[in-house]
Amino acid sequence: MGSHLSTGGTITLVNQRRIARDSSGSVYEERWLLVPKNGTRESQLSAIQNSDPNRHVLFTCMMLDGQHVCHETFYAPSTSTAVKFEGPPTGPLPNNAGDAMHEGLGKQQIAGMETVGTRGCVRKRQRNHRGARILVLPAAGD
């Protein structure tokens, strides 16, 4: 995620996350806070998520509050629906509010399942408290 400042400079925020999937379909994902790119601040682990597609359960453990409390959520996914990206189309957003970009990353077989990769980015133009226009970018993978 990045911002253009009224002074002409930019601030870019980044994070990294670990994501793993086992042969039964369970997914482990870490969520980390955004920090300035090339800065001195280190990102902090904010949450750990585990989903079990066989039991249709998502466990979310919040890590920042010091208590490390986990919440259990039940879900009912469709087994016959292919998920398709539903973001804005590539090009300018209405009212010159920014722009959207999409990139196909190709197909790959993972554990016998065909996967399709897509990278998307929506850059939104906003105004700061002084009325100067800034550009807000999402972090990779968010």
N, C-alpha and C. Protein backbone atom coordinates (compact mmCIF):
# COMPACT_ATOMS: atom_id res chain seq x y z
N MET A 1 0.86 -1.16 0.00
CA MET A 1 0.00 0.00 0.00
C MET A 1 0.90 1.22 0.00
N GLY A 2 0.60 2.20 -0.82
CA GLY A 2 1.44 3.39 -0.89
C GLY A 2 0.60 4.65 -0.94
N SER A 3 1.23 5.75 -0.60
CA SER A 3 0.56 7.04 -0.63
C SER A 3 1.49 8.07 -1.25
N HIS A 4 0.95 8.91 -2.14
CA HIS A 4 1.70 10.05 -2.65
C HIS A 4 1.41 11.22 -1.72
N LEU A 5 2.45 11.88 -1.29
CA LEU A 5 2.30 13.01 -0.38
C LEU A 5 2.21 14.32 -1.15
N SER A 6 1.66 15.34 -0.53
CA SER A 6 1.53 16.63 -1.19
C SER A 6 2.90 17.23 -1.49
N THR A 7 3.94 16.78 -0.80
CA THR A 7 5.30 17.27 -1.05
C THR A 7 5.94 16.60 -2.26
N GLY A 8 5.23 15.62 -2.86
CA GLY A 8 5.77 14.91 -4.00
C GLY A 8 6.40 13.58 -3.63
N GLY A 9 6.61 13.34 -2.35
CA GLY A 9 7.18 12.07 -1.90
C GLY A 9 6.13 10.99 -1.83
N THR A 10 6.57 9.79 -1.54
CA THR A 10 5.65 8.67 -1.38
C THR A 10 5.97 7.88 -0.13
N ILE A 11 4.97 7.21 0.39
CA ILE A 11 5.14 6.26 1.49
C ILE A 11 4.57 4.94 0.99
N THR A 12 5.35 3.88 1.10
CA THR A 12 4.88 2.57 0.69
C THR A 12 4.84 1.67 1.91
N LEU A 13 3.68 1.06 2.15
CA LEU A 13 3.51 0.14 3.27
C LEU A 13 3.46 -1.28 2.72
N VAL A 14 4.10 -2.21 3.41
CA VAL A 14 4.18 -3.59 2.96
C VAL A 14 3.95 -4.54 4.12
N ASN A 15 3.66 -5.78 3.79
CA ASN A 15 3.68 -6.86 4.77
C ASN A 15 3.96 -8.16 4.04
N GLN A 16 4.30 -9.17 4.79
CA GLN A 16 4.46 -10.50 4.24
C GLN A 16 3.61 -11.41 5.09
N ARG A 17 3.16 -12.51 4.50
CA ARG A 17 2.36 -13.44 5.29
C ARG A 17 2.68 -14.86 4.84
N ARG A 18 2.57 -15.76 5.78
CA ARG A 18 2.75 -17.17 5.48
C ARG A 18 1.38 -17.80 5.27
N ILE A 19 1.26 -18.55 4.18
CA ILE A 19 0.03 -19.27 3.87
C ILE A 19 0.42 -20.69 3.49
N ALA A 20 -0.25 -21.67 4.06
CA ALA A 20 0.04 -23.06 3.74
C ALA A 20 -1.27 -23.83 3.65
N ARG A 21 -1.26 -24.84 2.78
CA ARG A 21 -2.44 -25.70 2.62
C ARG A 21 -1.96 -27.14 2.67
N ASP A 22 -2.64 -27.97 3.46
CA ASP A 22 -2.24 -29.38 3.54
C ASP A 22 -3.07 -30.22 2.58
N SER A 23 -2.77 -31.51 2.52
CA SER A 23 -3.42 -32.39 1.55
C SER A 23 -4.90 -32.59 1.82
N SER A 24 -5.38 -32.29 3.04
CA SER A 24 -6.81 -32.43 3.33
C SER A 24 -7.57 -31.14 3.01
N GLY A 25 -6.85 -30.09 2.59
CA GLY A 25 -7.50 -28.84 2.22
C GLY A 25 -7.49 -27.77 3.29
N SER A 26 -7.02 -28.10 4.50
CA SER A 26 -6.95 -27.10 5.57
C SER A 26 -5.95 -26.00 5.20
N VAL A 27 -6.29 -24.75 5.53
CA VAL A 27 -5.44 -23.62 5.19
C VAL A 27 -5.01 -22.91 6.46
N TYR A 28 -3.70 -22.65 6.58
CA TYR A 28 -3.12 -21.89 7.67
C TYR A 28 -2.67 -20.56 7.08
N GLU A 29 -3.03 -19.44 7.72
CA GLU A 29 -2.62 -18.13 7.22
C GLU A 29 -2.29 -17.21 8.38
N GLU A 30 -1.17 -16.51 8.25
CA GLU A 30 -0.78 -15.50 9.22
C GLU A 30 -1.13 -14.13 8.65
N ARG A 31 -1.62 -13.24 9.49
CA ARG A 31 -1.92 -11.87 9.09
C ARG A 31 -0.96 -10.96 9.87
N TRP A 32 -0.24 -10.10 9.14
CA TRP A 32 0.76 -9.21 9.72
C TRP A 32 0.38 -7.76 9.44
N LEU A 33 0.74 -6.85 10.35
CA LEU A 33 0.45 -5.43 10.18
C LEU A 33 1.30 -4.84 9.07
N LEU A 34 0.77 -3.81 8.41
CA LEU A 34 1.52 -3.08 7.39
C LEU A 34 2.56 -2.19 8.06
N VAL A 35 3.76 -2.11 7.47
CA VAL A 35 4.84 -1.24 7.98
C VAL A 35 5.48 -0.53 6.78
N PRO A 36 6.15 0.61 7.03
CA PRO A 36 6.82 1.31 5.92
C PRO A 36 7.90 0.43 5.28
N LYS A 37 7.91 0.41 3.96
CA LYS A 37 8.91 -0.36 3.22
C LYS A 37 10.29 0.24 3.48
N ASN A 38 11.27 -0.62 3.71
CA ASN A 38 12.66 -0.21 3.99
C ASN A 38 12.77 0.63 5.25
N GLY A 39 11.78 0.55 6.13
CA GLY A 39 11.82 1.31 7.37
C GLY A 39 12.45 0.50 8.50
N THR A 40 12.51 1.08 9.68
CA THR A 40 13.11 0.41 10.83
C THR A 40 12.08 -0.38 11.64
N ARG A 41 10.80 -0.08 11.45
CA ARG A 41 9.76 -0.79 12.20
C ARG A 41 9.55 -2.18 11.64
N GLU A 42 9.45 -3.15 12.52
CA GLU A 42 9.16 -4.52 12.11
C GLU A 42 7.66 -4.77 12.21
N SER A 43 7.15 -5.53 11.28
CA SER A 43 5.74 -5.88 11.30
C SER A 43 5.45 -6.78 12.50
N GLN A 44 4.21 -6.74 12.97
CA GLN A 44 3.79 -7.60 14.07
C GLN A 44 2.71 -8.55 13.58
N LEU A 45 2.76 -9.76 14.08
CA LEU A 45 1.75 -10.76 13.79
C LEU A 45 0.45 -10.32 14.46
N SER A 46 -0.60 -10.10 13.65
CA SER A 46 -1.86 -9.61 14.23
C SER A 46 -2.87 -10.73 14.41
N ALA A 47 -2.84 -11.76 13.55
CA ALA A 47 -3.82 -12.85 13.67
C ALA A 47 -3.29 -14.10 12.97
N ILE A 48 -3.74 -15.23 13.44
CA ILE A 48 -3.49 -16.51 12.80
C ILE A 48 -4.85 -17.12 12.48
N GLN A 49 -5.00 -17.61 11.25
CA GLN A 49 -6.26 -18.22 10.85
C GLN A 49 -6.01 -19.64 10.36
N ASN A 50 -6.88 -20.55 10.78
CA ASN A 50 -6.89 -21.93 10.30
C ASN A 50 -8.30 -22.25 9.84
N SER A 51 -8.41 -22.73 8.62
CA SER A 51 -9.73 -23.14 8.14
C SER A 51 -9.71 -24.63 7.86
N ASP A 52 -10.79 -25.27 8.22
CA ASP A 52 -10.97 -26.71 8.00
C ASP A 52 -12.15 -26.88 7.06
N PRO A 53 -11.89 -27.15 5.76
CA PRO A 53 -12.99 -27.23 4.80
C PRO A 53 -13.85 -28.48 4.99
N ASN A 54 -13.35 -29.47 5.68
CA ASN A 54 -14.13 -30.68 5.91
C ASN A 54 -15.20 -30.46 6.99
N ARG A 55 -14.85 -29.68 8.01
CA ARG A 55 -15.80 -29.36 9.08
C ARG A 55 -16.47 -28.01 8.85
N HIS A 56 -16.02 -27.26 7.84
CA HIS A 56 -16.53 -25.92 7.54
C HIS A 56 -16.39 -24.99 8.74
N VAL A 57 -15.16 -24.95 9.27
CA VAL A 57 -14.86 -24.13 10.44
C VAL A 57 -13.64 -23.27 10.15
N LEU A 58 -13.71 -22.00 10.58
CA LEU A 58 -12.58 -21.08 10.51
C LEU A 58 -12.24 -20.66 11.93
N PHE A 59 -10.99 -20.86 12.33
CA PHE A 59 -10.50 -20.40 13.63
C PHE A 59 -9.65 -19.17 13.39
N THR A 60 -9.95 -18.06 14.09
CA THR A 60 -9.17 -16.83 13.99
C THR A 60 -8.65 -16.51 15.38
N CYS A 61 -7.33 -16.45 15.51
CA CYS A 61 -6.68 -16.16 16.79
C CYS A 61 -6.04 -14.78 16.72
N MET A 62 -6.54 -13.85 17.52
CA MET A 62 -6.00 -12.49 17.55
C MET A 62 -4.77 -12.48 18.44
N MET A 63 -3.67 -11.93 17.92
CA MET A 63 -2.39 -12.03 18.60
C MET A 63 -1.93 -10.75 19.26
N LEU A 64 -2.54 -9.61 18.99
CA LEU A 64 -2.03 -8.33 19.48
C LEU A 64 -2.53 -7.94 20.86
N ASP A 65 -3.64 -8.49 21.29
CA ASP A 65 -4.24 -8.05 22.55
C ASP A 65 -3.57 -8.63 23.79
N GLY A 66 -2.57 -9.49 23.62
CA GLY A 66 -1.88 -10.09 24.74
C GLY A 66 -2.57 -11.30 25.31
N GLN A 67 -3.85 -11.52 24.96
CA GLN A 67 -4.60 -12.64 25.49
C GLN A 67 -4.61 -13.82 24.52
N HIS A 68 -4.33 -13.56 23.26
CA HIS A 68 -4.32 -14.59 22.21
C HIS A 68 -5.63 -15.39 22.21
N VAL A 69 -6.73 -14.68 22.08
CA VAL A 69 -8.06 -15.29 22.08
C VAL A 69 -8.41 -15.75 20.67
N CYS A 70 -8.96 -16.95 20.56
CA CYS A 70 -9.37 -17.50 19.27
C CYS A 70 -10.88 -17.56 19.18
N HIS A 71 -11.39 -17.30 17.97
CA HIS A 71 -12.82 -17.35 17.71
C HIS A 71 -13.09 -18.41 16.66
N GLU A 72 -14.16 -19.13 16.82
CA GLU A 72 -14.54 -20.18 15.89
C GLU A 72 -15.75 -19.70 15.09
N THR A 73 -15.67 -19.81 13.76
CA THR A 73 -16.75 -19.40 12.89
C THR A 73 -17.10 -20.57 11.97
N PHE A 74 -18.38 -20.87 11.86
CA PHE A 74 -18.83 -21.92 10.96
C PHE A 74 -19.28 -21.29 9.65
N TYR A 75 -19.00 -21.96 8.55
CA TYR A 75 -19.40 -21.46 7.25
C TYR A 75 -19.89 -22.61 6.38
N ALA A 76 -20.67 -22.28 5.37
CA ALA A 76 -21.23 -23.29 4.47
C ALA A 76 -20.87 -22.93 3.03
N PRO A 77 -19.66 -23.31 2.59
CA PRO A 77 -19.27 -22.97 1.23
C PRO A 77 -19.98 -23.83 0.19
N SER A 78 -20.05 -23.32 -1.00
CA SER A 78 -20.62 -24.08 -2.10
C SER A 78 -19.55 -25.01 -2.66
N THR A 79 -19.90 -26.25 -2.89
CA THR A 79 -18.94 -27.19 -3.46
C THR A 79 -18.99 -27.21 -4.98
N SER A 80 -19.95 -26.49 -5.57
CA SER A 80 -20.09 -26.53 -7.02
C SER A 80 -19.86 -25.18 -7.69
N THR A 81 -19.54 -24.15 -6.92
CA THR A 81 -19.38 -22.82 -7.48
C THR A 81 -17.91 -22.49 -7.67
N ALA A 82 -17.56 -22.05 -8.86
CA ALA A 82 -16.20 -21.57 -9.12
C ALA A 82 -16.15 -20.10 -8.74
N VAL A 83 -15.18 -19.73 -7.92
CA VAL A 83 -15.05 -18.34 -7.48
C VAL A 83 -14.41 -17.54 -8.60
N LYS A 84 -15.03 -16.42 -8.93
CA LYS A 84 -14.51 -15.57 -9.99
C LYS A 84 -14.30 -14.18 -9.42
N PHE A 85 -13.18 -13.57 -9.77
CA PHE A 85 -12.85 -12.23 -9.29
C PHE A 85 -13.95 -11.26 -9.68
N GLU A 86 -14.42 -10.45 -8.72
CA GLU A 86 -15.52 -9.53 -8.98
C GLU A 86 -15.14 -8.08 -8.70
N GLY A 87 -13.89 -7.72 -8.87
CA GLY A 87 -13.48 -6.34 -8.65
C GLY A 87 -13.82 -5.45 -9.83
N PRO A 88 -13.48 -4.18 -9.74
CA PRO A 88 -13.75 -3.28 -10.86
C PRO A 88 -12.89 -3.68 -12.07
N PRO A 89 -13.37 -3.43 -13.28
CA PRO A 89 -12.59 -3.79 -14.47
C PRO A 89 -11.33 -2.93 -14.58
N THR A 90 -10.34 -3.44 -15.29
CA THR A 90 -9.10 -2.70 -15.52
C THR A 90 -9.41 -1.37 -16.19
N GLY A 91 -8.80 -0.30 -15.68
CA GLY A 91 -8.99 1.03 -16.26
C GLY A 91 -9.34 2.04 -15.19
N PRO A 92 -9.69 3.24 -15.60
CA PRO A 92 -10.00 4.30 -14.64
C PRO A 92 -11.29 4.01 -13.86
N LEU A 93 -11.29 4.42 -12.60
CA LEU A 93 -12.49 4.31 -11.77
C LEU A 93 -13.40 5.51 -12.05
N PRO A 94 -14.69 5.39 -11.77
CA PRO A 94 -15.60 6.52 -12.00
C PRO A 94 -15.18 7.77 -11.23
N ASN A 95 -15.46 8.92 -11.80
CA ASN A 95 -15.19 10.23 -11.19
C ASN A 95 -13.71 10.47 -10.93
N ASN A 96 -12.83 9.87 -11.75
CA ASN A 96 -11.38 10.04 -11.59
C ASN A 96 -10.93 9.69 -10.17
N ALA A 97 -11.57 8.68 -9.57
CA ALA A 97 -11.28 8.29 -8.20
C ALA A 97 -10.04 7.41 -8.09
N GLY A 98 -9.44 7.04 -9.21
CA GLY A 98 -8.27 6.17 -9.21
C GLY A 98 -8.32 5.25 -10.41
N ASP A 99 -7.64 4.11 -10.31
CA ASP A 99 -7.66 3.16 -11.40
C ASP A 99 -7.49 1.74 -10.88
N ALA A 100 -7.86 0.77 -11.70
CA ALA A 100 -7.75 -0.64 -11.35
C ALA A 100 -6.87 -1.34 -12.38
N MET A 101 -6.06 -2.28 -11.90
CA MET A 101 -5.19 -3.06 -12.78
C MET A 101 -5.31 -4.53 -12.40
N HIS A 102 -5.27 -5.42 -13.40
CA HIS A 102 -5.34 -6.85 -13.16
C HIS A 102 -4.32 -7.55 -14.04
N GLU A 103 -3.73 -8.62 -13.51
CA GLU A 103 -2.73 -9.37 -14.24
C GLU A 103 -2.98 -10.86 -14.04
N GLY A 104 -3.11 -11.59 -15.13
CA GLY A 104 -3.26 -13.03 -15.04
C GLY A 104 -1.93 -13.68 -14.74
N LEU A 105 -1.88 -14.56 -13.77
CA LEU A 105 -0.63 -15.22 -13.37
C LEU A 105 -0.54 -16.64 -13.90
N GLY A 106 -1.56 -17.08 -14.63
CA GLY A 106 -1.52 -18.40 -15.24
C GLY A 106 -2.16 -19.49 -14.40
N LYS A 107 -2.12 -20.71 -14.95
CA LYS A 107 -2.70 -21.88 -14.28
C LYS A 107 -1.58 -22.76 -13.76
N GLN A 108 -1.89 -23.49 -12.68
CA GLN A 108 -0.90 -24.39 -12.08
C GLN A 108 -1.64 -25.53 -11.38
N GLN A 109 -1.07 -26.71 -11.43
CA GLN A 109 -1.62 -27.85 -10.70
C GLN A 109 -0.99 -27.87 -9.30
N ILE A 110 -1.81 -27.88 -8.28
CA ILE A 110 -1.34 -27.97 -6.90
C ILE A 110 -2.08 -29.12 -6.24
N ALA A 111 -1.33 -30.15 -5.86
CA ALA A 111 -1.89 -31.35 -5.22
C ALA A 111 -3.05 -31.91 -6.05
N GLY A 112 -2.89 -31.90 -7.37
CA GLY A 112 -3.91 -32.47 -8.25
C GLY A 112 -5.08 -31.56 -8.55
N MET A 113 -5.05 -30.33 -8.07
CA MET A 113 -6.15 -29.39 -8.30
C MET A 113 -5.65 -28.24 -9.16
N GLU A 114 -6.39 -27.92 -10.22
CA GLU A 114 -6.00 -26.80 -11.07
C GLU A 114 -6.33 -25.48 -10.36
N THR A 115 -5.34 -24.61 -10.31
CA THR A 115 -5.54 -23.29 -9.71
C THR A 115 -5.26 -22.23 -10.76
N VAL A 116 -5.90 -21.07 -10.62
CA VAL A 116 -5.70 -19.95 -11.53
C VAL A 116 -5.31 -18.75 -10.68
N GLY A 117 -4.18 -18.13 -11.03
CA GLY A 117 -3.69 -16.99 -10.26
C GLY A 117 -4.00 -15.67 -10.93
N THR A 118 -4.40 -14.68 -10.12
CA THR A 118 -4.66 -13.33 -10.61
C THR A 118 -4.15 -12.34 -9.58
N ARG A 119 -3.48 -11.30 -10.04
CA ARG A 119 -3.05 -10.22 -9.15
C ARG A 119 -3.87 -9.00 -9.50
N GLY A 120 -4.45 -8.36 -8.50
CA GLY A 120 -5.26 -7.17 -8.73
C GLY A 120 -4.81 -6.03 -7.84
N CYS A 121 -4.93 -4.83 -8.33
CA CYS A 121 -4.56 -3.64 -7.56
C CYS A 121 -5.55 -2.53 -7.90
N VAL A 122 -6.10 -1.90 -6.87
CA VAL A 122 -6.97 -0.74 -7.06
C VAL A 122 -6.30 0.44 -6.36
N ARG A 123 -5.95 1.44 -7.14
CA ARG A 123 -5.33 2.64 -6.58
C ARG A 123 -6.41 3.71 -6.47
N LYS A 124 -6.60 4.23 -5.26
CA LYS A 124 -7.65 5.22 -5.04
C LYS A 124 -7.03 6.57 -4.74
N ARG A 125 -7.55 7.59 -5.40
CA ARG A 125 -7.10 8.95 -5.13
C ARG A 125 -7.99 9.53 -4.02
N GLN A 126 -7.35 10.10 -3.03
CA GLN A 126 -8.07 10.71 -1.92
C GLN A 126 -7.45 12.06 -1.63
N ARG A 127 -8.08 12.80 -0.75
CA ARG A 127 -7.53 14.09 -0.33
C ARG A 127 -7.18 14.00 1.15
N ASN A 128 -6.03 14.62 1.51
CA ASN A 128 -5.66 14.64 2.92
C ASN A 128 -6.36 15.80 3.61
N HIS A 129 -6.04 16.03 4.87
CA HIS A 129 -6.73 17.06 5.65
C HIS A 129 -6.49 18.47 5.12
N ARG A 130 -5.47 18.67 4.27
CA ARG A 130 -5.21 19.98 3.68
C ARG A 130 -5.78 20.10 2.28
N GLY A 131 -6.45 19.07 1.80
CA GLY A 131 -7.05 19.10 0.48
C GLY A 131 -6.13 18.61 -0.62
N ALA A 132 -4.89 18.24 -0.29
CA ALA A 132 -3.98 17.74 -1.32
C ALA A 132 -4.37 16.32 -1.71
N ARG A 133 -4.22 15.99 -2.99
CA ARG A 133 -4.58 14.65 -3.47
C ARG A 133 -3.48 13.67 -3.10
N ILE A 134 -3.87 12.49 -2.61
CA ILE A 134 -2.93 11.41 -2.32
C ILE A 134 -3.41 10.16 -3.04
N LEU A 135 -2.54 9.21 -3.22
CA LEU A 135 -2.87 7.96 -3.90
C LEU A 135 -2.65 6.83 -2.91
N VAL A 136 -3.67 6.01 -2.66
CA VAL A 136 -3.60 4.92 -1.70
C VAL A 136 -3.56 3.61 -2.46
N LEU A 137 -2.54 2.78 -2.18
CA LEU A 137 -2.37 1.49 -2.85
C LEU A 137 -2.51 0.37 -1.84
N PRO A 138 -3.17 -0.75 -2.20
CA PRO A 138 -3.26 -1.88 -1.29
C PRO A 138 -1.95 -2.65 -1.26
N ALA A 139 -1.70 -3.38 -0.18
CA ALA A 139 -0.53 -4.23 -0.09
C ALA A 139 -0.73 -5.45 -0.96
N ALA A 140 0.37 -6.05 -1.39
CA ALA A 140 0.30 -7.26 -2.20
C ALA A 140 -0.42 -8.34 -1.43
N GLY A 141 -1.41 -9.00 -2.09
CA GLY A 141 -2.12 -10.07 -1.45
C GLY A 141 -3.30 -9.68 -0.61
N ASP A 142 -3.57 -8.38 -0.42
CA ASP A 142 -4.74 -7.91 0.32
C ASP A 142 -5.83 -7.48 -0.60
